[in-house]
């Protein structure tokens, strides 16, 4: 079984959420799976959220100390340091 990256171009543009709901809200995505990151970034972006992605727990800690986020989405199992 192969895993393909999420392709936002395949979605029906009439069934996407309005763009202004997450306006100016920042979301930190902590995940090491490209497919999950792609889906989250696209979905949150369509709602108007600004996203930042880090791939491990150490980078996440640095990012959280340096910046304030309105929401943090974290993968439970990651290399080096898990959620």
Protein backbone atom coordinates (compact mmCIF):
# COMPACT_ATOMS: atom_id res chain seq x y z
CA UNK A 1 0.00 0.00 0.00
CA UNK A 2 1.47 3.35 -1.00
CA UNK A 3 0.81 6.66 0.63
CA UNK A 4 0.24 9.65 -1.64
CA UNK A 5 0.55 13.26 -0.57
CA UNK A 6 -2.69 15.14 -0.11
CA UNK A 7 -3.52 17.01 -3.29
CA UNK A 8 -5.66 20.10 -2.59
CA UNK A 9 -6.32 20.58 -6.31
CA UNK A 10 -8.57 17.51 -6.22
CA UNK A 11 -11.06 19.15 -3.82
CA UNK A 12 -14.30 20.66 -5.00
CA UNK A 13 -13.81 24.43 -4.58
CA UNK A 14 -17.53 24.89 -3.76
CA UNK A 15 -17.23 22.90 -0.52
CA UNK A 16 -14.37 24.79 1.11
CA UNK A 17 -14.83 26.98 4.21
CA UNK A 18 -14.78 30.78 4.11
CA UNK A 19 -11.33 32.30 4.29
CA UNK A 20 -11.77 34.84 7.09
CA UNK A 21 -12.57 32.63 10.11
CA UNK A 22 -8.98 32.16 11.28
CA UNK A 23 -7.75 35.56 10.16
CA UNK A 24 -4.51 36.47 11.91
CA UNK A 25 -4.55 33.36 14.11
CA UNK A 26 -1.30 31.42 14.25
CA UNK A 27 -1.08 27.64 14.42
CA UNK A 28 2.03 25.60 15.17
CA UNK A 29 1.99 22.16 13.54
CA UNK A 30 4.40 19.67 15.11
CA UNK A 31 4.50 16.58 12.89
CA UNK A 32 7.05 14.49 11.00
CA UNK A 33 4.65 13.00 8.42
CA UNK A 34 4.55 15.00 5.15
CA UNK A 35 1.02 13.78 4.34
CA UNK A 36 -0.39 15.01 7.65
CA UNK A 37 1.44 18.31 7.40
CA UNK A 38 0.18 18.87 3.86
CA UNK A 39 -3.43 18.20 4.84
CA UNK A 40 -3.27 20.36 7.97
CA UNK A 41 -1.58 23.29 6.24
CA UNK A 42 -4.06 23.27 3.40
CA UNK A 43 -7.13 22.89 5.62
CA UNK A 44 -6.07 25.50 8.16
CA UNK A 45 -4.93 27.85 5.40
CA UNK A 46 -8.38 27.67 3.80
CA UNK A 47 -9.85 28.82 7.12
CA UNK A 48 -7.46 31.77 7.14
CA UNK A 49 -4.97 30.50 9.72
CA UNK A 50 -1.24 31.13 9.36
CA UNK A 51 0.76 27.95 9.97
CA UNK A 52 4.30 27.15 11.00
CA UNK A 53 5.60 23.57 10.81
CA UNK A 54 8.33 21.89 12.86
CA UNK A 55 9.25 18.22 12.63
CA UNK A 56 10.38 17.26 16.12
CA UNK A 57 9.87 18.03 19.78
CA UNK A 58 13.14 19.91 20.26
CA UNK A 59 12.37 22.38 17.47
CA UNK A 60 8.83 22.70 18.83
CA UNK A 61 10.09 23.78 22.25
CA UNK A 62 12.33 26.43 20.69
CA UNK A 63 9.48 27.66 18.49
CA UNK A 64 7.04 27.87 21.42
CA UNK A 65 9.55 29.84 23.51
CA UNK A 66 10.24 32.27 20.67
CA UNK A 67 6.66 32.84 19.44
CA UNK A 68 3.07 32.85 20.70
CA UNK A 69 0.56 30.58 18.98
CA UNK A 70 -3.22 30.47 19.18
CA UNK A 71 -3.31 26.72 18.56
CA UNK A 72 -0.76 23.90 18.61
CA UNK A 73 -1.39 20.64 16.73
CA UNK A 74 1.03 17.90 17.72
CA UNK A 75 1.77 14.38 16.55
CA UNK A 76 1.89 11.96 19.46
CA UNK A 77 4.84 9.84 18.21
CA UNK A 78 7.88 11.48 16.62
CA UNK A 79 11.62 10.86 16.42
CA UNK A 80 13.91 12.25 19.13
CA UNK A 81 11.16 13.64 21.40
CA UNK A 82 7.49 12.64 21.15
CA UNK A 83 4.40 14.71 21.96
